[in-house]
Amino acid sequence: MGKSYQKQWVGVFGDPVDDNPTVVMEQAAFDYAEIPMEYLTIQVKRGDLKAAMEGMRAMNFSGINITMPHKGEVIQYLDEISDSAKTMGAVNTVYWKDGKLAGENTDGKGFLKSLQDGQVPIKGKKAMILGAGGAARAIAVELAGAGIAVVTVVNRNEEHGQALVKIINEKTAAEGVFMPWKETVSVPEDTDILVNATPIGFTDEGKPDIAYDDLKEGMAVCDVIPNKAWTPFLLEAKNRGLRTFNGLQMLVNQGAVAFELWTGKPAPMDVMRKAMEKEYGVTLP
């Protein structure tokens, strides 16, 4: 048999997407494992997702990551989705399963692994999540599955916030509480885990409007922003001596899950972590 010039294609659909660093770790992993796979970072604007998903089927993509703003809409273009993705109403990883295009959500799984690796207690604890989008839903559902007692959702759009609280209360064992985000948000001192699941800080140097002086010793402070090791939000927590978990750590963890779904092989975690450390000039746990 002659040499094959065909590559397998995977990538990410989103908007904005140019700051998404997933390609760095995934391509490093494919090259290390000697898998002929290329990771493409593709801007797909709102309204174009259906055409993009039809295109990936037609061009025999091996899978695709889904990021803002498509994590909810993509579900209607898939053949099946996992139970947890169904509960969240959001998918961020698409792969082939027995000839069907399947959806999984690794957002919360990557987040949870970061906390577990850091030995952060979850069972019976209280979490506050800023935002109510796809990442917030994924994190809330995974925290609930790990035994969190209470999840407080803070959101400017009350309808979206209440919708997430309803999911928590009706589909998980945790208690969901809604807090409107009308002005600077107070953080209750019994909060154990604080999460920024908004896009604030992704394309700018902004930070969520919360009362940072409320952050107390013992809180674990997390940001899902995937393109910075230190967002202004996390720096506020670091300067107060608190434990922080960044979106890069979570991205490596969830990227490993995607790698395994696409290739059927164990992910080279060290290779992926080192690729991100080199890219950002940081040391990850």
C-alpha atoms as a PDB file:
ATOM      1  CA  MET A   1       0.000   0.000   0.000  1.00  0.00           C
ATOM      2  CA  GLY A   2       1.364   3.444  -0.955  1.00  0.00           C
ATOM      3  CA  LYS A   3       1.842   6.441   1.279  1.00  0.00           C
ATOM      4  CA  SER A   4      -1.341   8.163   2.493  1.00  0.00           C
ATOM      5  CA  TYR A   5      -1.470  11.929   2.166  1.00  0.00           C
ATOM      6  CA  GLN A   6      -4.835  12.266   3.860  1.00  0.00           C
ATOM      7  CA  LYS A   7      -5.052  14.050   7.199  1.00  0.00           C
ATOM      8  CA  GLN A   8      -7.780  13.729   9.777  1.00  0.00           C
ATOM      9  CA  TRP A   9      -9.362  17.053  10.682  1.00  0.00           C
ATOM     10  CA  VAL A  10     -10.576  18.304  14.047  1.00  0.00           C
ATOM     11  CA  GLY A  11     -10.798  21.836  15.420  1.00  0.00           C
ATOM     12  CA  VAL A  12     -12.988  24.395  17.099  1.00  0.00           C
ATOM     13  CA  PHE A  13     -16.017  26.410  15.932  1.00  0.00           C
ATOM     14  CA  GLY A  14     -16.664  29.682  17.737  1.00  0.00           C
ATOM     15  CA  ASP A  15     -16.790  33.481  17.637  1.00  0.00           C
ATOM     16  CA  PRO A  16     -14.532  34.995  18.861  1.00  0.00           C
ATOM     17  CA  VAL A  17     -12.062  32.182  18.352  1.00  0.00           C
ATOM     18  CA  ASP A  18      -8.717  33.746  17.451  1.00  0.00           C
ATOM     19  CA  ASP A  19      -7.619  33.833  21.116  1.00  0.00           C
ATOM     20  CA  ASN A  20      -8.552  30.182  21.752  1.00  0.00           C
ATOM     21  CA  PRO A  21      -5.314  28.282  22.482  1.00  0.00           C
ATOM     22  CA  THR A  22      -6.695  24.730  22.265  1.00  0.00           C
ATOM     23  CA  VAL A  23      -4.763  24.130  19.028  1.00  0.00           C
ATOM     24  CA  VAL A  24      -1.455  24.454  20.907  1.00  0.00           C
ATOM     25  CA  MET A  25      -1.994  21.518  23.245  1.00  0.00           C
ATOM     26  CA  GLU A  26      -4.038  19.314  20.901  1.00  0.00           C
ATOM     27  CA  GLN A  27      -1.574  19.616  18.018  1.00  0.00           C
ATOM     28  CA  ALA A  28       1.330  18.896  20.384  1.00  0.00           C
ATOM     29  CA  ALA A  29      -0.485  15.761  21.543  1.00  0.00           C
ATOM     30  CA  PHE A  30      -1.280  14.549  18.002  1.00  0.00           C
ATOM     31  CA  ASP A  31       2.312  15.100  16.877  1.00  0.00           C
ATOM     32  CA  TYR A  32       3.736  13.356  19.955  1.00  0.00           C
ATOM     33  CA  ALA A  33       1.411  10.361  19.428  1.00  0.00           C
ATOM     34  CA  GLU A  34       2.252  10.354  15.690  1.00  0.00           C
ATOM     35  CA  ILE A  35      -1.418  10.640  14.721  1.00  0.00           C
ATOM     36  CA  PRO A  36      -1.964  12.333  11.300  1.00  0.00           C
ATOM     37  CA  MET A  37      -4.480  14.808  12.700  1.00  0.00           C
ATOM     38  CA  GLU A  38      -4.648  18.589  12.245  1.00  0.00           C
ATOM     39  CA  TYR A  39      -6.449  20.973  14.616  1.00  0.00           C
ATOM     40  CA  LEU A  40      -8.091  23.966  12.910  1.00  0.00           C
ATOM     41  CA  THR A  41      -9.241  27.132  14.688  1.00  0.00           C
ATOM     42  CA  ILE A  42     -12.325  28.232  12.725  1.00  0.00           C
ATOM     43  CA  GLN A  43     -14.441  31.345  13.171  1.00  0.00           C
ATOM     44  CA  VAL A  44     -18.116  30.432  12.805  1.00  0.00           C
ATOM     45  CA  LYS A  45     -20.395  33.404  13.325  1.00  0.00           C
ATOM     46  CA  ARG A  46     -23.807  33.298  14.957  1.00  0.00           C
ATOM     47  CA  GLY A  47     -26.308  32.033  12.405  1.00  0.00           C
ATOM     48  CA  ASP A  48     -23.730  29.972  10.485  1.00  0.00           C
ATOM     49  CA  LEU A  49     -23.448  26.958  12.792  1.00  0.00           C
ATOM     50  CA  LYS A  50     -25.885  24.727  10.895  1.00  0.00           C
ATOM     51  CA  ALA A  51     -23.887  25.159   7.685  1.00  0.00           C
ATOM     52  CA  ALA A  52     -20.621  24.588   9.550  1.00  0.00           C
ATOM     53  CA  MET A  53     -21.889  21.330  11.092  1.00  0.00           C
ATOM     54  CA  GLU A  54     -23.125  20.124   7.701  1.00  0.00           C
ATOM     55  CA  GLY A  55     -19.697  20.996   6.334  1.00  0.00           C
ATOM     56  CA  MET A  56     -17.816  19.016   8.961  1.00  0.00           C
ATOM     57  CA  ARG A  57     -19.960  15.968   8.186  1.00  0.00           C
ATOM     58  CA  ALA A  58     -19.399  16.396   4.445  1.00  0.00           C
ATOM     59  CA  MET A  59     -15.633  16.808   4.849  1.00  0.00           C
ATOM     60  CA  ASN A  60     -15.365  13.837   7.239  1.00  0.00           C
ATOM     61  CA  PHE A  61     -13.987  15.748  10.197  1.00  0.00           C
ATOM     62  CA  SER A  62     -13.047  13.402  13.049  1.00  0.00           C
ATOM     63  CA  GLY A  63     -14.626  15.799  15.549  1.00  0.00           C
ATOM     64  CA  ILE A  64     -14.915  19.408  16.607  1.00  0.00           C
ATOM     65  CA  ASN A  65     -14.818  21.542  19.739  1.00  0.00           C
ATOM     66  CA  ILE A  66     -17.668  24.009  20.194  1.00  0.00           C
ATOM     67  CA  THR A  67     -17.202  27.282  22.038  1.00  0.00           C
ATOM     68  CA  MET A  68     -19.071  30.573  22.492  1.00  0.00           C
ATOM     69  CA  PRO A  69     -21.751  31.225  21.308  1.00  0.00           C
ATOM     70  CA  HIS A  70     -22.717  27.806  19.911  1.00  0.00           C
ATOM     71  CA  LYS A  71     -22.707  25.342  22.847  1.00  0.00           C
ATOM     72  CA  GLY A  72     -26.495  25.224  23.161  1.00  0.00           C
ATOM     73  CA  GLU A  73     -27.482  25.483  19.501  1.00  0.00           C
ATOM     74  CA  VAL A  74     -25.183  22.664  18.354  1.00  0.00           C
ATOM     75  CA  ILE A  75     -27.307  20.032  20.114  1.00  0.00           C
ATOM     76  CA  GLN A  76     -29.978  20.122  17.392  1.00  0.00           C
ATOM     77  CA  TYR A  77     -27.408  19.155  14.750  1.00  0.00           C
ATOM     78  CA  LEU A  78     -26.174  16.007  16.551  1.00  0.00           C
ATOM     79  CA  ASP A  79     -27.402  12.413  16.491  1.00  0.00           C
ATOM     80  CA  GLU A  80     -27.024  11.852  20.240  1.00  0.00           C
ATOM     81  CA  ILE A  81     -25.627  13.552  23.358  1.00  0.00           C
ATOM     82  CA  SER A  82     -24.438  12.337  26.763  1.00  0.00           C
ATOM     83  CA  ASP A  83     -26.714  12.455  29.803  1.00  0.00           C
ATOM     84  CA  SER A  84     -24.676  15.183  31.495  1.00  0.00           C
ATOM     85  CA  ALA A  85     -24.658  17.312  28.318  1.00  0.00           C
ATOM     86  CA  LYS A  86     -28.429  16.831  28.130  1.00  0.00           C
ATOM     87  CA  THR A  87     -28.828  18.039  31.721  1.00  0.00           C
ATOM     88  CA  MET A  88     -26.643  21.079  31.023  1.00  0.00           C
ATOM     89  CA  GLY A  89     -28.192  21.828  27.659  1.00  0.00           C
ATOM     90  CA  ALA A  90     -24.694  22.459  26.304  1.00  0.00           C
ATOM     91  CA  VAL A  91     -22.112  20.576  24.241  1.00  0.00           C
ATOM     92  CA  ASN A  92     -18.477  21.555  23.716  1.00  0.00           C
ATOM     93  CA  THR A  93     -17.009  18.418  22.123  1.00  0.00           C
ATOM     94  CA  VAL A  94     -18.378  16.551  19.111  1.00  0.00           C
ATOM     95  CA  TYR A  95     -17.071  13.132  18.052  1.00  0.00           C
ATOM     96  CA  TRP A  96     -18.083  10.028  16.113  1.00  0.00           C
ATOM     97  CA  LYS A  97     -19.575   7.158  18.109  1.00  0.00           C
ATOM     98  CA  ASP A  98     -20.665   4.018  16.265  1.00  0.00           C
ATOM     99  CA  GLY A  99     -21.236   5.973  13.068  1.00  0.00           C
ATOM    100  CA  LYS A 100     -23.263   8.688  14.798  1.00  0.00           C
ATOM    101  CA  LEU A 101     -22.254  12.259  15.536  1.00  0.00           C
ATOM    102  CA  ALA A 102     -22.260  12.465  19.329  1.00  0.00           C
ATOM    103  CA  GLY A 103     -21.949  15.371  21.774  1.00  0.00           C
ATOM    104  CA  GLU A 104     -20.228  15.557  25.156  1.00  0.00           C
ATOM    105  CA  ASN A 105     -19.506  18.419  27.530  1.00  0.00           C
ATOM    106  CA  THR A 106     -15.998  18.449  28.964  1.00  0.00           C
ATOM    107  CA  ASP A 107     -16.170  22.010  30.413  1.00  0.00           C
ATOM    108  CA  GLY A 108     -17.320  20.899  33.835  1.00  0.00           C
ATOM    109  CA  LYS A 109     -15.184  17.751  33.788  1.00  0.00           C
ATOM    110  CA  GLY A 110     -12.018  19.777  33.223  1.00  0.00           C
ATOM    111  CA  PHE A 111     -13.044  22.217  35.941  1.00  0.00           C
ATOM    112  CA  LEU A 112     -13.811  19.435  38.419  1.00  0.00           C
ATOM    113  CA  LYS A 113     -10.503  17.654  37.761  1.00  0.00           C
ATOM    114  CA  SER A 114      -8.605  20.895  38.491  1.00  0.00           C
ATOM    115  CA  LEU A 115     -10.308  21.173  41.882  1.00  0.00           C
ATOM    116  CA  GLN A 116      -9.830  17.479  42.644  1.00  0.00           C
ATOM    117  CA  ASP A 117      -6.142  17.608  41.660  1.00  0.00           C
ATOM    118  CA  GLY A 118      -5.828  20.575  44.029  1.00  0.00           C
ATOM    119  CA  GLN A 119      -7.608  18.587  46.769  1.00  0.00           C
ATOM    120  CA  VAL A 120     -10.307  21.239  47.154  1.00  0.00           C
ATOM    121  CA  PRO A 121     -13.187  19.878  49.280  1.00  0.00           C
ATOM    122  CA  ILE A 122     -16.479  19.854  47.350  1.00  0.00           C
ATOM    123  CA  LYS A 123     -18.915  17.585  49.186  1.00  0.00           C
ATOM    124  CA  GLY A 124     -21.311  19.583  51.347  1.00  0.00           C
ATOM    125  CA  LYS A 125     -19.715  22.916  50.350  1.00  0.00           C
ATOM    126  CA  LYS A 126     -21.166  26.110  48.836  1.00  0.00           C
ATOM    127  CA  ALA A 127     -20.324  27.520  45.408  1.00  0.00           C
ATOM    128  CA  MET A 128     -21.091  30.862  43.772  1.00  0.00           C
ATOM    129  CA  ILE A 129     -21.017  31.008  39.973  1.00  0.00           C
ATOM    130  CA  LEU A 130     -20.888  34.315  38.099  1.00  0.00           C
ATOM    131  CA  GLY A 131     -22.767  33.870  34.816  1.00  0.00           C
ATOM    132  CA  ALA A 132     -25.351  31.403  33.538  1.00  0.00           C
ATOM    133  CA  GLY A 133     -24.131  30.384  30.081  1.00  0.00           C
ATOM    134  CA  GLY A 134     -22.803  27.055  28.807  1.00  0.00           C
ATOM    135  CA  ALA A 135     -19.697  26.981  31.024  1.00  0.00           C
ATOM    136  CA  ALA A 136     -21.739  27.926  34.106  1.00  0.00           C
ATOM    137  CA  ARG A 137     -24.251  25.149  33.393  1.00  0.00           C
ATOM    138  CA  ALA A 138     -21.496  22.573  32.913  1.00  0.00           C
ATOM    139  CA  ILE A 139     -19.706  23.559  36.110  1.00  0.00           C
ATOM    140  CA  ALA A 140     -22.922  23.627  38.170  1.00  0.00           C
ATOM    141  CA  VAL A 141     -23.962  20.153  37.007  1.00  0.00           C
ATOM    142  CA  GLU A 142     -20.511  18.625  37.612  1.00  0.00           C
ATOM    143  CA  LEU A 143     -20.222  20.258  41.057  1.00  0.00           C
ATOM    144  CA  ALA A 144     -23.664  18.890  41.927  1.00  0.00           C
ATOM    145  CA  GLY A 145     -22.593  15.433  40.789  1.00  0.00           C
ATOM    146  CA  ALA A 146     -19.549  15.692  43.069  1.00  0.00           C
ATOM    147  CA  GLY A 147     -21.737  16.465  46.094  1.00  0.00           C
ATOM    148  CA  ILE A 148     -21.780  20.258  46.376  1.00  0.00           C
ATOM    149  CA  ALA A 149     -24.595  21.358  48.713  1.00  0.00           C
ATOM    150  CA  VAL A 150     -25.533  24.799  47.355  1.00  0.00           C
ATOM    151  CA  VAL A 151     -24.880  26.591  44.069  1.00  0.00           C
ATOM    152  CA  THR A 152     -25.683  30.319  43.950  1.00  0.00           C
ATOM    153  CA  VAL A 153     -26.025  31.642  40.396  1.00  0.00           C
ATOM    154  CA  VAL A 154     -25.357  35.351  39.857  1.00  0.00           C
ATOM    155  CA  ASN A 155     -26.517  36.740  36.513  1.00  0.00           C
ATOM    156  CA  ARG A 156     -27.683  40.005  34.976  1.00  0.00           C
ATOM    157  CA  ASN A 157     -30.299  38.298  32.809  1.00  0.00           C
ATOM    158  CA  GLU A 158     -32.726  36.935  35.412  1.00  0.00           C
ATOM    159  CA  GLU A 159     -34.450  34.567  32.962  1.00  0.00           C
ATOM    160  CA  HIS A 160     -31.171  32.831  32.111  1.00  0.00           C
ATOM    161  CA  GLY A 161     -30.093  32.725  35.745  1.00  0.00           C
ATOM    162  CA  GLN A 162     -33.398  31.267  36.919  1.00  0.00           C
ATOM    163  CA  ALA A 163     -33.259  28.691  34.114  1.00  0.00           C
ATOM    164  CA  LEU A 164     -29.927  27.398  35.464  1.00  0.00           C
ATOM    165  CA  VAL A 165     -31.226  27.379  39.040  1.00  0.00           C
ATOM    166  CA  LYS A 166     -34.201  25.322  37.828  1.00  0.00           C
ATOM    167  CA  ILE A 167     -31.825  22.759  36.268  1.00  0.00           C
ATOM    168  CA  ILE A 168     -29.877  22.516  39.547  1.00  0.00           C
ATOM    169  CA  ASN A 169     -33.007  22.117  41.678  1.00  0.00           C
ATOM    170  CA  GLU A 170     -34.909  19.749  39.397  1.00  0.00           C
ATOM    171  CA  LYS A 171     -32.155  17.617  37.860  1.00  0.00           C
ATOM    172  CA  THR A 172     -29.446  17.412  40.544  1.00  0.00           C
ATOM    173  CA  ALA A 173     -29.225  16.767  44.283  1.00  0.00           C
ATOM    174  CA  ALA A 174     -27.830  20.246  45.002  1.00  0.00           C
ATOM    175  CA  GLU A 175     -29.790  23.347  46.007  1.00  0.00           C
ATOM    176  CA  GLY A 176     -29.823  26.151  43.435  1.00  0.00           C
ATOM    177  CA  VAL A 177     -30.223  29.807  44.489  1.00  0.00           C
ATOM    178  CA  PHE A 178     -30.514  32.826  42.182  1.00  0.00           C
ATOM    179  CA  MET A 179     -28.917  36.175  42.969  1.00  0.00           C
ATOM    180  CA  PRO A 180     -29.646  39.119  40.624  1.00  0.00           C
ATOM    181  CA  TRP A 181     -26.592  41.010  39.319  1.00  0.00           C
ATOM    182  CA  LYS A 182     -27.800  44.604  39.347  1.00  0.00           C
ATOM    183  CA  GLU A 183     -24.805  46.356  40.876  1.00  0.00           C
ATOM    184  CA  THR A 184     -21.583  45.346  42.624  1.00  0.00           C
ATOM    185  CA  VAL A 185     -22.206  41.810  43.888  1.00  0.00           C
ATOM    186  CA  SER A 186     -21.543  40.869  47.506  1.00  0.00           C
ATOM    187  CA  VAL A 187     -19.906  37.480  48.027  1.00  0.00           C
ATOM    188  CA  PRO A 188     -21.310  35.672  51.106  1.00  0.00           C
ATOM    189  CA  GLU A 189     -18.504  34.840  53.522  1.00  0.00           C
ATOM    190  CA  ASP A 190     -19.544  31.178  53.705  1.00  0.00           C
ATOM    191  CA  THR A 191     -18.764  30.765  49.981  1.00  0.00           C
ATOM    192  CA  ASP A 192     -16.214  27.961  49.510  1.00  0.00           C
ATOM    193  CA  ILE A 193     -15.789  28.050  45.727  1.00  0.00           C
ATOM    194  CA  LEU A 194     -16.161  31.204  43.595  1.00  0.00           C
ATOM    195  CA  VAL A 195     -16.229  30.836  39.812  1.00  0.00           C
ATOM    196  CA  ASN A 196     -16.129  33.432  37.048  1.00  0.00           C
ATOM    197  CA  ALA A 197     -18.016  31.734  34.221  1.00  0.00           C
ATOM    198  CA  THR A 198     -18.610  34.972  32.286  1.00  0.00           C
ATOM    199  CA  PRO A 199     -16.553  36.035  29.230  1.00  0.00           C
ATOM    200  CA  ILE A 200     -15.352  39.141  31.134  1.00  0.00           C
ATOM    201  CA  GLY A 201     -11.588  39.220  30.703  1.00  0.00           C
ATOM    202  CA  PHE A 202     -11.496  37.136  27.507  1.00  0.00           C
ATOM    203  CA  THR A 203     -10.950  39.892  24.949  1.00  0.00           C
ATOM    204  CA  ASP A 204     -10.170  42.701  27.402  1.00  0.00           C
ATOM    205  CA  GLU A 205      -8.626  43.345  30.803  1.00  0.00           C
ATOM    206  CA  GLY A 206     -11.960  43.741  32.561  1.00  0.00           C
ATOM    207  CA  LYS A 207     -13.084  41.934  35.687  1.00  0.00           C
ATOM    208  CA  PRO A 208     -16.524  41.027  37.052  1.00  0.00           C
ATOM    209  CA  ASP A 209     -18.187  43.687  39.198  1.00  0.00           C
ATOM    210  CA  ILE A 210     -18.082  42.017  42.612  1.00  0.00           C
ATOM    211  CA  ALA A 211     -16.986  43.197  46.071  1.00  0.00           C
ATOM    212  CA  TYR A 212     -13.427  41.821  46.046  1.00  0.00           C
ATOM    213  CA  ASP A 213     -12.909  42.771  49.690  1.00  0.00           C
ATOM    214  CA  ASP A 214     -15.539  40.097  50.482  1.00  0.00           C
ATOM    215  CA  LEU A 215     -13.136  37.347  49.383  1.00  0.00           C
ATOM    216  CA  LYS A 216     -12.180  35.461  52.514  1.00  0.00           C
ATOM    217  CA  GLU A 217      -9.377  33.112  53.496  1.00  0.00           C
ATOM    218  CA  GLY A 218     -10.090  29.538  52.476  1.00  0.00           C
ATOM    219  CA  MET A 219     -12.073  30.322  49.318  1.00  0.00           C
ATOM    220  CA  ALA A 220     -11.039  28.641  46.080  1.00  0.00           C
ATOM    221  CA  VAL A 221     -11.333  31.195  43.267  1.00  0.00           C
ATOM    222  CA  CYS A 222     -11.645  29.953  39.688  1.00  0.00           C
ATOM    223  CA  ASP A 223     -11.792  31.551  36.240  1.00  0.00           C
ATOM    224  CA  VAL A 224     -12.824  29.711  33.081  1.00  0.00           C
ATOM    225  CA  ILE A 225     -11.186  32.229  30.696  1.00  0.00           C
ATOM    226  CA  PRO A 226      -8.987  29.930  28.565  1.00  0.00           C
ATOM    227  CA  ASN A 227      -6.490  32.359  27.047  1.00  0.00           C
ATOM    228  CA  LYS A 228      -4.794  33.818  30.146  1.00  0.00           C
ATOM    229  CA  ALA A 229      -2.996  32.294  33.122  1.00  0.00           C
ATOM    230  CA  TRP A 230      -3.746  35.373  35.242  1.00  0.00           C
ATOM    231  CA  THR A 231      -6.918  37.345  34.596  1.00  0.00           C
ATOM    232  CA  PRO A 232      -7.557  40.545  36.601  1.00  0.00           C
ATOM    233  CA  PHE A 233     -10.206  38.518  38.482  1.00  0.00           C
ATOM    234  CA  LEU A 234      -7.666  35.886  39.573  1.00  0.00           C
ATOM    235  CA  LEU A 235      -5.025  38.511  40.405  1.00  0.00           C
ATOM    236  CA  GLU A 236      -7.482  40.085  42.851  1.00  0.00           C
ATOM    237  CA  ALA A 237      -7.803  36.702  44.582  1.00  0.00           C
ATOM    238  CA  LYS A 238      -4.054  36.005  44.446  1.00  0.00           C
ATOM    239  CA  ASN A 239      -3.283  39.378  46.023  1.00  0.00           C
ATOM    240  CA  ARG A 240      -5.518  38.371  48.938  1.00  0.00           C
ATOM    241  CA  GLY A 241      -3.602  35.125  49.407  1.00  0.00           C
ATOM    242  CA  LEU A 242      -6.363  32.849  48.091  1.00  0.00           C
ATOM    243  CA  ARG A 243      -6.004  29.638  46.095  1.00  0.00           C
ATOM    244  CA  THR A 244      -6.694  30.182  42.403  1.00  0.00           C
ATOM    245  CA  PHE A 245      -7.493  27.882  39.492  1.00  0.00           C
ATOM    246  CA  ASN A 246      -7.222  29.223  35.968  1.00  0.00           C
ATOM    247  CA  GLY A 247      -8.901  28.375  32.702  1.00  0.00           C
ATOM    248  CA  LEU A 248      -5.651  27.052  31.222  1.00  0.00           C
ATOM    249  CA  GLN A 249      -5.537  24.229  33.781  1.00  0.00           C
ATOM    250  CA  MET A 250      -9.167  23.390  33.027  1.00  0.00           C
ATOM    251  CA  LEU A 251      -8.496  23.566  29.295  1.00  0.00           C
ATOM    252  CA  VAL A 252      -5.673  21.009  29.528  1.00  0.00           C
ATOM    253  CA  ASN A 253      -7.911  18.653  31.515  1.00  0.00           C
ATOM    254  CA  GLN A 254     -10.859  18.928  29.139  1.00  0.00           C
ATOM    255  CA  GLY A 255      -8.548  18.821  26.122  1.00  0.00           C
ATOM    256  CA  ALA A 256      -7.341  15.427  27.316  1.00  0.00           C
ATOM    257  CA  VAL A 257     -10.938  14.133  27.310  1.00  0.00           C
ATOM    258  CA  ALA A 258     -11.466  15.439  23.761  1.00  0.00           C
ATOM    259  CA  PHE A 259      -8.214  13.841  22.579  1.00  0.00           C
ATOM    260  CA  GLU A 260      -9.371  10.459  23.887  1.00  0.00           C
ATOM    261  CA  LEU A 261     -12.837  10.792  22.317  1.00  0.00           C
ATOM    262  CA  TRP A 262     -11.336  11.679  18.919  1.00  0.00           C
ATOM    263  CA  THR A 263      -8.458   9.196  18.831  1.00  0.00           C
ATOM    264  CA  GLY A 264      -9.466   6.354  21.147  1.00  0.00           C
ATOM    265  CA  LYS A 265      -6.012   6.620  22.752  1.00  0.00           C
ATOM    266  CA  PRO A 266      -4.892   7.849  26.207  1.00  0.00           C
ATOM    267  CA  ALA A 267      -3.998  11.544  26.192  1.00  0.00           C
ATOM    268  CA  PRO A 268      -0.335  12.508  26.760  1.00  0.00           C
ATOM    269  CA  MET A 269      -1.168  14.885  29.625  1.00  0.00           C
ATOM    270  CA  ASP A 270       2.425  15.968  30.283  1.00  0.00           C
ATOM    271  CA  VAL A 271       2.913  16.902  26.637  1.00  0.00           C
ATOM    272  CA  MET A 272      -0.301  18.935  26.598  1.00  0.00           C
ATOM    273  CA  ARG A 273       0.516  20.691  29.873  1.00  0.00           C
ATOM    274  CA  LYS A 274       4.061  21.550  28.781  1.00  0.00           C
ATOM    275  CA  ALA A 275       2.803  22.904  25.453  1.00  0.00           C
ATOM    276  CA  MET A 276       0.536  25.334  27.310  1.00  0.00           C
ATOM    277  CA  GLU A 277       3.255  26.272  29.793  1.00  0.00           C
ATOM    278  CA  LYS A 278       5.609  27.095  26.921  1.00  0.00           C
ATOM    279  CA  GLU A 279       2.932  29.078  25.085  1.00  0.00           C
ATOM    280  CA  TYR A 280       2.109  31.253  28.086  1.00  0.00           C
ATOM    281  CA  GLY A 281       5.404  31.257  29.965  1.00  0.00           C
ATOM    282  CA  VAL A 282       3.784  29.884  33.110  1.00  0.00           C
ATOM    283  CA  THR A 283       4.040  26.810  35.326  1.00  0.00           C
ATOM    284  CA  LEU A 284       0.825  24.852  35.773  1.00  0.00           C
ATOM    285  CA  PRO A 285       0.233  22.455  38.709  1.00  0.00           C
END
